[in-house]
């Protein structure tokens, strides 16, 4: 008569290790997004020398009068925002939120810069006002340059 054998120890040990690895992977999958949300990302730095905005000062004023936000444009493969201040001064910022890399937009009706991802709000000087953004937006130099046709174009360059 044949005796019944007990389950082998190596098989049981393999099963325990597999279950432990599964639990560890599940815990990591749950906590990684939480830690990523709470840990601010590093500041971004652009290296492009100079870019002409795809709109003129007159077009920017027209958009503001209509209550529309100027579209962000590409500055060294990153979105760039140009803000027309109430006093007529121009400001330019990196259009990436300093929290988790969402693109921010200007809200002319509210007079601020807004991040949709987590309701982060910056003032028109790029300083965080409310929400999770930990740092101000990276500011760029901006100046006006006359074109041969007499229009004022907006030129954005790296700040030094």
N, C-alpha and C. Protein backbone atom coordinates (compact mmCIF):
# COMPACT_ATOMS: atom_id res chain seq x y z
N UNK A 1 0.81 -1.16 0.00
CA UNK A 1 0.00 0.00 0.00
C UNK A 1 0.88 1.25 0.00
N UNK A 2 0.44 2.24 -0.75
CA UNK A 2 1.24 3.44 -0.92
C UNK A 2 0.81 4.49 0.11
N UNK A 3 1.78 5.13 0.72
CA UNK A 3 1.49 6.16 1.71
C UNK A 3 1.28 7.51 1.03
N UNK A 4 0.36 8.30 1.62
CA UNK A 4 0.13 9.66 1.09
C UNK A 4 1.28 10.54 1.53
N UNK A 5 1.80 11.30 0.59
CA UNK A 5 2.93 12.17 0.92
C UNK A 5 2.42 13.56 1.25
N UNK A 6 3.10 14.23 2.13
CA UNK A 6 2.71 15.60 2.50
C UNK A 6 3.20 16.57 1.43
N UNK A 7 2.54 17.73 1.30
CA UNK A 7 2.99 18.71 0.31
C UNK A 7 4.45 19.08 0.57
N UNK A 8 5.17 19.26 -0.48
CA UNK A 8 6.59 19.55 -0.32
C UNK A 8 6.82 20.96 0.19
N UNK A 9 7.84 21.12 0.96
CA UNK A 9 8.19 22.41 1.54
C UNK A 9 8.61 23.42 0.48
N UNK A 10 9.39 23.05 -0.53
CA UNK A 10 9.78 24.04 -1.54
C UNK A 10 8.57 24.64 -2.27
N UNK A 11 7.56 23.83 -2.51
CA UNK A 11 6.37 24.35 -3.19
C UNK A 11 5.64 25.36 -2.31
N UNK A 12 5.54 25.06 -1.04
CA UNK A 12 4.88 25.96 -0.09
C UNK A 12 5.67 27.27 0.04
N UNK A 13 6.98 27.18 0.12
CA UNK A 13 7.83 28.37 0.24
C UNK A 13 7.69 29.25 -1.02
N UNK A 14 7.63 28.60 -2.18
CA UNK A 14 7.44 29.36 -3.42
C UNK A 14 6.10 30.10 -3.41
N UNK A 15 5.06 29.44 -2.94
CA UNK A 15 3.73 30.06 -2.87
C UNK A 15 3.72 31.25 -1.92
N UNK A 16 4.37 31.11 -0.76
CA UNK A 16 4.45 32.21 0.21
C UNK A 16 5.20 33.39 -0.40
N UNK A 17 6.34 33.14 -1.06
CA UNK A 17 7.12 34.23 -1.68
C UNK A 17 6.31 34.92 -2.78
N UNK A 18 5.57 34.14 -3.55
CA UNK A 18 4.74 34.72 -4.61
C UNK A 18 3.65 35.60 -4.03
N UNK A 19 3.02 35.17 -2.98
CA UNK A 19 1.99 35.98 -2.33
C UNK A 19 2.58 37.25 -1.72
N UNK A 20 3.74 37.14 -1.10
CA UNK A 20 4.40 38.32 -0.53
C UNK A 20 4.77 39.33 -1.63
N UNK A 21 5.27 38.84 -2.73
CA UNK A 21 5.62 39.73 -3.85
C UNK A 21 4.37 40.40 -4.41
N UNK A 22 3.27 39.67 -4.50
CA UNK A 22 2.01 40.24 -5.00
C UNK A 22 1.50 41.34 -4.08
N UNK A 23 1.56 41.11 -2.78
CA UNK A 23 1.13 42.13 -1.81
C UNK A 23 2.03 43.36 -1.89
N UNK A 24 3.34 43.14 -1.99
CA UNK A 24 4.28 44.26 -2.09
C UNK A 24 4.03 45.08 -3.36
N UNK A 25 3.78 44.41 -4.48
CA UNK A 25 3.49 45.12 -5.73
C UNK A 25 2.19 45.90 -5.63
N UNK A 26 1.19 45.34 -4.97
CA UNK A 26 -0.09 46.04 -4.80
C UNK A 26 0.08 47.28 -3.94
N UNK A 27 0.83 47.16 -2.85
CA UNK A 27 1.07 48.31 -1.97
C UNK A 27 1.82 49.40 -2.73
N UNK A 28 2.83 49.02 -3.50
CA UNK A 28 3.58 50.01 -4.28
C UNK A 28 2.68 50.69 -5.31
N UNK A 29 1.80 49.92 -5.96
CA UNK A 29 0.90 50.50 -6.96
C UNK A 29 -0.09 51.46 -6.33
N UNK A 30 -0.45 51.24 -5.10
CA UNK A 30 -1.39 52.14 -4.42
C UNK A 30 -0.69 53.39 -3.92
N UNK A 31 0.49 53.25 -3.33
CA UNK A 31 1.14 54.40 -2.70
C UNK A 31 1.98 55.24 -3.65
N UNK A 32 2.44 54.71 -4.78
CA UNK A 32 3.26 55.50 -5.70
C UNK A 32 2.55 56.76 -6.18
N UNK A 33 1.30 56.69 -6.66
CA UNK A 33 0.63 57.93 -7.08
C UNK A 33 0.45 58.93 -5.94
N UNK A 34 0.23 58.44 -4.74
CA UNK A 34 0.05 59.34 -3.60
C UNK A 34 1.36 60.07 -3.32
N UNK A 35 2.46 59.35 -3.29
CA UNK A 35 3.76 59.96 -3.04
C UNK A 35 4.12 60.91 -4.18
N UNK A 36 3.84 60.53 -5.41
CA UNK A 36 4.12 61.38 -6.58
C UNK A 36 3.32 62.68 -6.51
N UNK A 37 2.09 62.59 -6.02
CA UNK A 37 1.24 63.77 -5.88
C UNK A 37 1.78 64.71 -4.81
N UNK A 38 2.25 64.16 -3.69
CA UNK A 38 2.71 64.98 -2.58
C UNK A 38 4.12 65.51 -2.77
N UNK A 39 4.94 64.82 -3.53
CA UNK A 39 6.34 65.22 -3.74
C UNK A 39 6.41 66.16 -4.93
N UNK A 40 6.81 67.43 -4.73
CA UNK A 40 6.86 68.36 -5.87
C UNK A 40 7.96 67.97 -6.85
N UNK A 41 7.68 68.22 -8.12
CA UNK A 41 8.68 67.90 -9.14
C UNK A 41 9.75 68.98 -9.18
N UNK A 42 10.90 68.65 -9.75
CA UNK A 42 11.99 69.61 -9.88
C UNK A 42 11.61 70.72 -10.85
N UNK A 43 12.20 71.88 -10.66
CA UNK A 43 11.95 72.99 -11.57
C UNK A 43 12.44 72.69 -12.96
N UNK A 44 11.79 73.28 -13.94
CA UNK A 44 12.19 73.07 -15.32
C UNK A 44 13.06 74.23 -15.78
N UNK A 45 13.94 73.96 -16.68
CA UNK A 45 14.81 74.98 -17.24
C UNK A 45 14.80 74.82 -18.75
N UNK A 46 14.55 75.91 -19.46
CA UNK A 46 14.55 75.89 -20.91
C UNK A 46 15.89 76.38 -21.41
N UNK A 47 16.27 75.95 -22.62
CA UNK A 47 17.56 76.36 -23.14
C UNK A 47 17.46 77.09 -24.48
N UNK A 48 16.26 77.34 -24.98
CA UNK A 48 16.14 78.07 -26.24
C UNK A 48 16.60 79.51 -26.02
N UNK A 49 17.22 80.09 -27.01
CA UNK A 49 17.75 81.44 -26.88
C UNK A 49 16.65 82.49 -26.99
N UNK A 50 15.83 82.40 -28.04
CA UNK A 50 14.84 83.44 -28.28
C UNK A 50 13.75 82.90 -29.21
N UNK A 51 12.50 83.24 -28.90
CA UNK A 51 11.37 82.79 -29.71
C UNK A 51 10.41 83.96 -29.89
N UNK A 52 9.89 84.11 -31.10
CA UNK A 52 8.88 85.13 -31.37
C UNK A 52 7.51 84.48 -31.16
N UNK A 53 6.68 85.11 -30.36
CA UNK A 53 5.34 84.58 -30.09
C UNK A 53 4.54 84.57 -31.38
N UNK A 54 3.60 83.62 -31.53
CA UNK A 54 2.82 83.51 -32.77
C UNK A 54 1.69 84.54 -32.86
N UNK A 55 1.71 85.54 -32.01
CA UNK A 55 0.71 86.61 -32.07
C UNK A 55 1.40 87.92 -31.72
N UNK A 56 0.79 89.02 -32.15
CA UNK A 56 1.34 90.35 -31.90
C UNK A 56 0.72 90.92 -30.63
N UNK A 57 1.24 92.07 -30.21
CA UNK A 57 0.70 92.75 -29.04
C UNK A 57 -0.76 93.15 -29.29
N UNK A 58 -1.07 93.61 -30.50
CA UNK A 58 -2.45 94.00 -30.83
C UNK A 58 -3.39 92.79 -30.75
N UNK A 59 -2.95 91.64 -31.24
CA UNK A 59 -3.77 90.43 -31.17
C UNK A 59 -3.97 90.00 -29.71
N UNK A 60 -2.94 90.15 -28.90
CA UNK A 60 -3.04 89.81 -27.48
C UNK A 60 -4.05 90.72 -26.77
N UNK A 61 -4.00 92.02 -27.09
CA UNK A 61 -4.97 92.96 -26.51
C UNK A 61 -6.39 92.62 -26.95
N UNK A 62 -6.55 92.26 -28.21
CA UNK A 62 -7.87 91.90 -28.73
C UNK A 62 -8.42 90.66 -28.03
N UNK A 63 -7.58 89.67 -27.81
CA UNK A 63 -8.01 88.46 -27.09
C UNK A 63 -8.44 88.81 -25.67
N UNK A 64 -7.66 89.66 -25.02
CA UNK A 64 -7.98 90.03 -23.64
C UNK A 64 -9.30 90.79 -23.57
N UNK A 65 -9.55 91.67 -24.54
CA UNK A 65 -10.82 92.41 -24.56
C UNK A 65 -12.01 91.49 -24.74
N UNK A 66 -11.82 90.39 -25.48
CA UNK A 66 -12.88 89.41 -25.68
C UNK A 66 -13.02 88.46 -24.48
N UNK A 67 -12.10 88.54 -23.53
CA UNK A 67 -12.12 87.64 -22.39
C UNK A 67 -11.55 86.27 -22.70
N UNK A 68 -10.74 86.17 -23.76
CA UNK A 68 -10.15 84.90 -24.15
C UNK A 68 -8.68 84.84 -23.73
N UNK A 69 -8.22 83.63 -23.47
CA UNK A 69 -6.83 83.43 -23.08
C UNK A 69 -5.96 83.28 -24.32
N UNK A 70 -4.77 83.86 -24.33
CA UNK A 70 -3.87 83.63 -25.45
C UNK A 70 -3.40 82.18 -25.43
N UNK A 71 -3.26 81.56 -26.58
CA UNK A 71 -2.82 80.16 -26.60
C UNK A 71 -1.35 80.05 -26.19
N UNK A 72 -1.00 79.00 -25.46
CA UNK A 72 0.42 78.80 -25.18
C UNK A 72 1.14 78.42 -26.48
N UNK A 73 2.41 78.76 -26.55
CA UNK A 73 3.19 78.40 -27.73
C UNK A 73 4.46 77.68 -27.28
N UNK A 74 5.12 77.05 -28.21
CA UNK A 74 6.27 76.21 -27.91
C UNK A 74 7.52 77.05 -27.72
N UNK A 75 8.15 76.87 -26.57
CA UNK A 75 9.42 77.52 -26.27
C UNK A 75 10.35 76.43 -25.72
N UNK A 76 11.26 75.94 -26.55
CA UNK A 76 12.17 74.85 -26.19
C UNK A 76 11.40 73.60 -25.77
N UNK A 77 10.41 73.23 -26.59
CA UNK A 77 9.58 72.04 -26.37
C UNK A 77 8.77 72.08 -25.07
N UNK A 78 8.50 73.26 -24.58
CA UNK A 78 7.65 73.44 -23.41
C UNK A 78 6.66 74.55 -23.72
N UNK A 79 5.44 74.48 -23.15
CA UNK A 79 4.49 75.55 -23.40
C UNK A 79 4.93 76.84 -22.71
N UNK A 80 4.72 77.95 -23.38
CA UNK A 80 5.07 79.26 -22.85
C UNK A 80 3.81 80.13 -22.86
N UNK A 81 3.58 80.83 -21.76
CA UNK A 81 2.43 81.74 -21.66
C UNK A 81 2.92 83.17 -21.70
N UNK A 82 2.21 84.01 -22.43
CA UNK A 82 2.46 85.44 -22.41
C UNK A 82 1.25 86.09 -21.75
N UNK A 83 1.52 86.93 -20.77
CA UNK A 83 0.46 87.59 -20.01
C UNK A 83 0.56 89.09 -20.23
N UNK A 84 -0.55 89.69 -20.61
CA UNK A 84 -0.62 91.14 -20.73
C UNK A 84 -1.15 91.67 -19.41
N UNK A 85 -0.32 92.40 -18.69
CA UNK A 85 -0.69 92.93 -17.37
C UNK A 85 -1.67 94.09 -17.54
N UNK A 86 -2.43 94.41 -16.51
CA UNK A 86 -3.37 95.53 -16.60
C UNK A 86 -2.71 96.86 -16.97
N UNK A 87 -1.44 97.05 -16.58
CA UNK A 87 -0.75 98.30 -16.92
C UNK A 87 -0.14 98.29 -18.32
N UNK A 88 -0.35 97.20 -19.09
CA UNK A 88 0.17 97.10 -20.45
C UNK A 88 1.51 96.41 -20.55
N UNK A 89 2.11 96.09 -19.41
CA UNK A 89 3.38 95.39 -19.38
C UNK A 89 3.18 93.93 -19.83
N UNK A 90 4.21 93.34 -20.41
CA UNK A 90 4.14 91.95 -20.84
C UNK A 90 4.98 91.07 -19.93
N UNK A 91 4.48 89.89 -19.62
CA UNK A 91 5.21 88.89 -18.84
C UNK A 91 5.12 87.56 -19.57
N UNK A 92 6.14 86.74 -19.44
CA UNK A 92 6.14 85.41 -20.05
C UNK A 92 6.59 84.39 -19.02
N UNK A 93 5.91 83.24 -19.01
CA UNK A 93 6.20 82.18 -18.05
C UNK A 93 6.23 80.82 -18.72
N UNK A 94 6.97 79.92 -18.10
CA UNK A 94 6.90 78.52 -18.47
C UNK A 94 5.48 78.06 -18.15
N UNK A 95 4.80 77.45 -19.11
CA UNK A 95 3.40 77.07 -18.94
C UNK A 95 3.20 75.72 -18.27
N UNK A 96 4.21 75.23 -17.55
CA UNK A 96 4.09 73.94 -16.87
C UNK A 96 3.98 74.19 -15.37
N UNK A 97 2.93 73.63 -14.78
CA UNK A 97 2.70 73.78 -13.34
C UNK A 97 3.88 73.20 -12.56
N UNK A 98 4.25 73.86 -11.49
CA UNK A 98 5.39 73.40 -10.68
C UNK A 98 5.00 72.26 -9.75
N UNK A 99 3.76 71.81 -9.83
CA UNK A 99 3.32 70.71 -8.97
C UNK A 99 3.55 69.36 -9.63
N UNK A 100 2.77 69.02 -10.67
CA UNK A 100 2.97 67.73 -11.34
C UNK A 100 2.94 67.85 -12.86
N UNK A 101 3.49 68.91 -13.39
CA UNK A 101 3.73 69.06 -14.83
C UNK A 101 2.48 69.15 -15.71
N UNK A 102 1.40 69.69 -15.20
CA UNK A 102 0.23 69.95 -16.04
C UNK A 102 0.42 71.31 -16.71
N UNK A 103 -0.24 71.53 -17.83
CA UNK A 103 -0.15 72.81 -18.52
C UNK A 103 -1.12 73.79 -17.89
N UNK A 104 -0.64 74.99 -17.58
CA UNK A 104 -1.47 76.02 -16.98
C UNK A 104 -2.00 76.96 -18.06
N UNK A 105 -3.09 77.66 -17.76
CA UNK A 105 -3.68 78.61 -18.70
C UNK A 105 -3.98 79.93 -17.99
N UNK A 106 -4.03 80.98 -18.77
CA UNK A 106 -4.40 82.29 -18.24
C UNK A 106 -5.92 82.37 -18.21
N UNK A 107 -6.47 82.87 -17.11
CA UNK A 107 -7.92 83.11 -17.02
C UNK A 107 -8.14 84.62 -16.96
N UNK A 108 -8.40 85.25 -18.12
CA UNK A 108 -8.54 86.71 -18.14
C UNK A 108 -9.66 87.22 -17.25
N UNK A 109 -10.77 86.50 -17.17
CA UNK A 109 -11.89 86.94 -16.34
C UNK A 109 -11.58 86.95 -14.86
N UNK A 110 -10.66 86.09 -14.44
CA UNK A 110 -10.29 86.01 -13.03
C UNK A 110 -9.01 86.76 -12.71
N UNK A 111 -8.24 87.08 -13.74
CA UNK A 111 -6.97 87.79 -13.53
C UNK A 111 -5.93 86.91 -12.87
N UNK A 112 -5.88 85.63 -13.28
CA UNK A 112 -4.90 84.72 -12.71
C UNK A 112 -4.48 83.67 -13.74
N UNK A 113 -3.59 82.80 -13.31
CA UNK A 113 -3.13 81.66 -14.11
C UNK A 113 -3.59 80.41 -13.37
N UNK A 114 -4.21 79.48 -14.10
CA UNK A 114 -4.89 78.37 -13.46
C UNK A 114 -4.37 77.02 -13.97
N UNK A 115 -4.24 76.07 -13.06
CA UNK A 115 -3.88 74.70 -13.40
C UNK A 115 -5.10 73.82 -13.16
N UNK A 116 -5.58 73.18 -14.22
CA UNK A 116 -6.78 72.33 -14.14
C UNK A 116 -6.58 71.07 -13.33
N UNK A 117 -5.38 70.54 -13.28
CA UNK A 117 -5.16 69.22 -12.67
C UNK A 117 -5.58 69.16 -11.21
N UNK A 118 -5.15 70.12 -10.42
CA UNK A 118 -5.46 70.09 -8.99
C UNK A 118 -5.90 71.46 -8.48
N UNK A 119 -6.49 72.26 -9.36
CA UNK A 119 -7.01 73.59 -9.01
C UNK A 119 -5.95 74.51 -8.41
N UNK A 120 -4.75 74.47 -8.97
CA UNK A 120 -3.69 75.37 -8.55
C UNK A 120 -3.88 76.72 -9.20
N UNK A 121 -3.66 77.78 -8.43
CA UNK A 121 -3.84 79.15 -8.92
C UNK A 121 -2.56 79.93 -8.68
N UNK A 122 -2.11 80.64 -9.72
CA UNK A 122 -0.98 81.56 -9.65
C UNK A 122 -1.51 82.96 -9.93
N UNK A 123 -0.87 83.98 -9.35
CA UNK A 123 -1.25 85.34 -9.74
C UNK A 123 -0.58 85.67 -11.08
N UNK A 124 -0.82 86.85 -11.61
CA UNK A 124 -0.26 87.21 -12.91
C UNK A 124 1.25 87.44 -12.86
N UNK A 125 1.83 87.42 -11.66
CA UNK A 125 3.28 87.51 -11.51
C UNK A 125 3.92 86.13 -11.43
N UNK A 126 3.10 85.07 -11.59
CA UNK A 126 3.61 83.71 -11.57
C UNK A 126 3.78 83.12 -10.18
N UNK A 127 3.35 83.84 -9.14
CA UNK A 127 3.48 83.36 -7.77
C UNK A 127 2.29 82.48 -7.39
N UNK A 128 2.50 81.35 -6.71
CA UNK A 128 1.38 80.50 -6.30
C UNK A 128 0.50 81.22 -5.29
N UNK A 129 -0.81 81.13 -5.50
CA UNK A 129 -1.78 81.79 -4.61
C UNK A 129 -2.53 80.75 -3.80
N UNK A 130 -3.00 79.70 -4.46
CA UNK A 130 -3.73 78.65 -3.75
C UNK A 130 -3.53 77.32 -4.46
N UNK A 131 -3.86 76.26 -3.77
CA UNK A 131 -3.70 74.93 -4.33
C UNK A 131 -2.33 74.36 -4.02
N UNK A 132 -1.98 73.27 -4.68
CA UNK A 132 -0.74 72.57 -4.34
C UNK A 132 0.57 73.09 -4.95
N UNK A 133 0.58 74.04 -5.91
CA UNK A 133 1.89 74.42 -6.49
C UNK A 133 2.86 74.92 -5.42
N UNK A 134 4.06 74.29 -5.34
CA UNK A 134 5.02 74.66 -4.31
C UNK A 134 5.92 75.85 -4.65
N UNK A 135 6.08 76.13 -5.96
CA UNK A 135 7.01 77.19 -6.38
C UNK A 135 6.36 78.07 -7.44
N UNK A 136 6.92 79.26 -7.64
CA UNK A 136 6.40 80.10 -8.72
C UNK A 136 6.76 79.53 -10.09
N UNK A 137 6.05 79.99 -11.10
CA UNK A 137 6.35 79.61 -12.48
C UNK A 137 7.68 80.22 -12.89
N UNK A 138 8.41 79.54 -13.75
CA UNK A 138 9.67 80.07 -14.25
C UNK A 138 9.37 81.25 -15.18
N UNK A 139 9.97 82.39 -14.88
CA UNK A 139 9.74 83.60 -15.67
C UNK A 139 10.77 83.70 -16.79
N UNK A 140 10.33 84.24 -17.92
CA UNK A 140 11.21 84.49 -19.06
C UNK A 140 11.27 85.99 -19.31
N UNK A 141 12.32 86.41 -19.99
CA UNK A 141 12.40 87.80 -20.43
C UNK A 141 11.47 87.97 -21.61
N UNK A 142 10.81 89.09 -21.68
CA UNK A 142 9.92 89.36 -22.81
C UNK A 142 10.09 90.82 -23.20
N UNK A 143 10.13 91.07 -24.50
CA UNK A 143 10.21 92.46 -24.97
C UNK A 143 9.47 92.58 -26.28
N UNK A 144 9.19 93.82 -26.64
CA UNK A 144 8.47 94.12 -27.88
C UNK A 144 9.48 94.54 -28.94
N UNK A 145 9.20 94.13 -30.18
CA UNK A 145 10.08 94.50 -31.29
C UNK A 145 9.19 94.89 -32.47
N UNK A 146 9.51 96.01 -33.09
CA UNK A 146 8.74 96.48 -34.25
C UNK A 146 9.10 95.65 -35.48
N UNK A 147 8.07 95.26 -36.22
CA UNK A 147 8.28 94.56 -37.48
C UNK A 147 8.35 95.60 -38.60
N UNK A 148 8.82 95.22 -39.79
CA UNK A 148 8.83 96.17 -40.91
C UNK A 148 7.43 96.69 -41.26
N UNK A 149 6.40 95.92 -40.95
CA UNK A 149 5.03 96.36 -41.25
C UNK A 149 4.47 97.29 -40.18
N UNK A 150 5.24 97.55 -39.12
CA UNK A 150 4.80 98.46 -38.07
C UNK A 150 4.12 97.78 -36.89
N UNK A 151 3.94 96.48 -36.95
CA UNK A 151 3.34 95.74 -35.83
C UNK A 151 4.38 95.54 -34.73
N UNK A 152 3.90 95.37 -33.51
CA UNK A 152 4.79 95.03 -32.41
C UNK A 152 4.70 93.52 -32.17
N UNK A 153 5.83 92.84 -32.40
CA UNK A 153 5.83 91.42 -32.11
C UNK A 153 6.39 91.19 -30.71
N UNK A 154 6.06 90.05 -30.16
CA UNK A 154 6.47 89.71 -28.81
C UNK A 154 7.62 88.69 -28.90
N UNK A 155 8.74 89.02 -28.28
CA UNK A 155 9.91 88.16 -28.30
C UNK A 155 10.19 87.68 -26.88
N UNK A 156 10.30 86.37 -26.73
CA UNK A 156 10.55 85.75 -25.42
C UNK A 156 11.94 85.13 -25.45
N UNK A 157 12.69 85.35 -24.37
CA UNK A 157 14.03 84.77 -24.27
C UNK A 157 14.27 84.26 -22.86
N UNK A 158 15.31 83.49 -22.71
CA UNK A 158 15.66 82.95 -21.39
C UNK A 158 16.07 84.07 -20.46
N UNK A 159 15.64 83.98 -19.22
CA UNK A 159 16.09 84.95 -18.24
C UNK A 159 17.46 84.52 -17.72
N UNK A 160 18.28 85.50 -17.35
CA UNK A 160 19.64 85.18 -16.88
C UNK A 160 19.81 85.62 -15.46
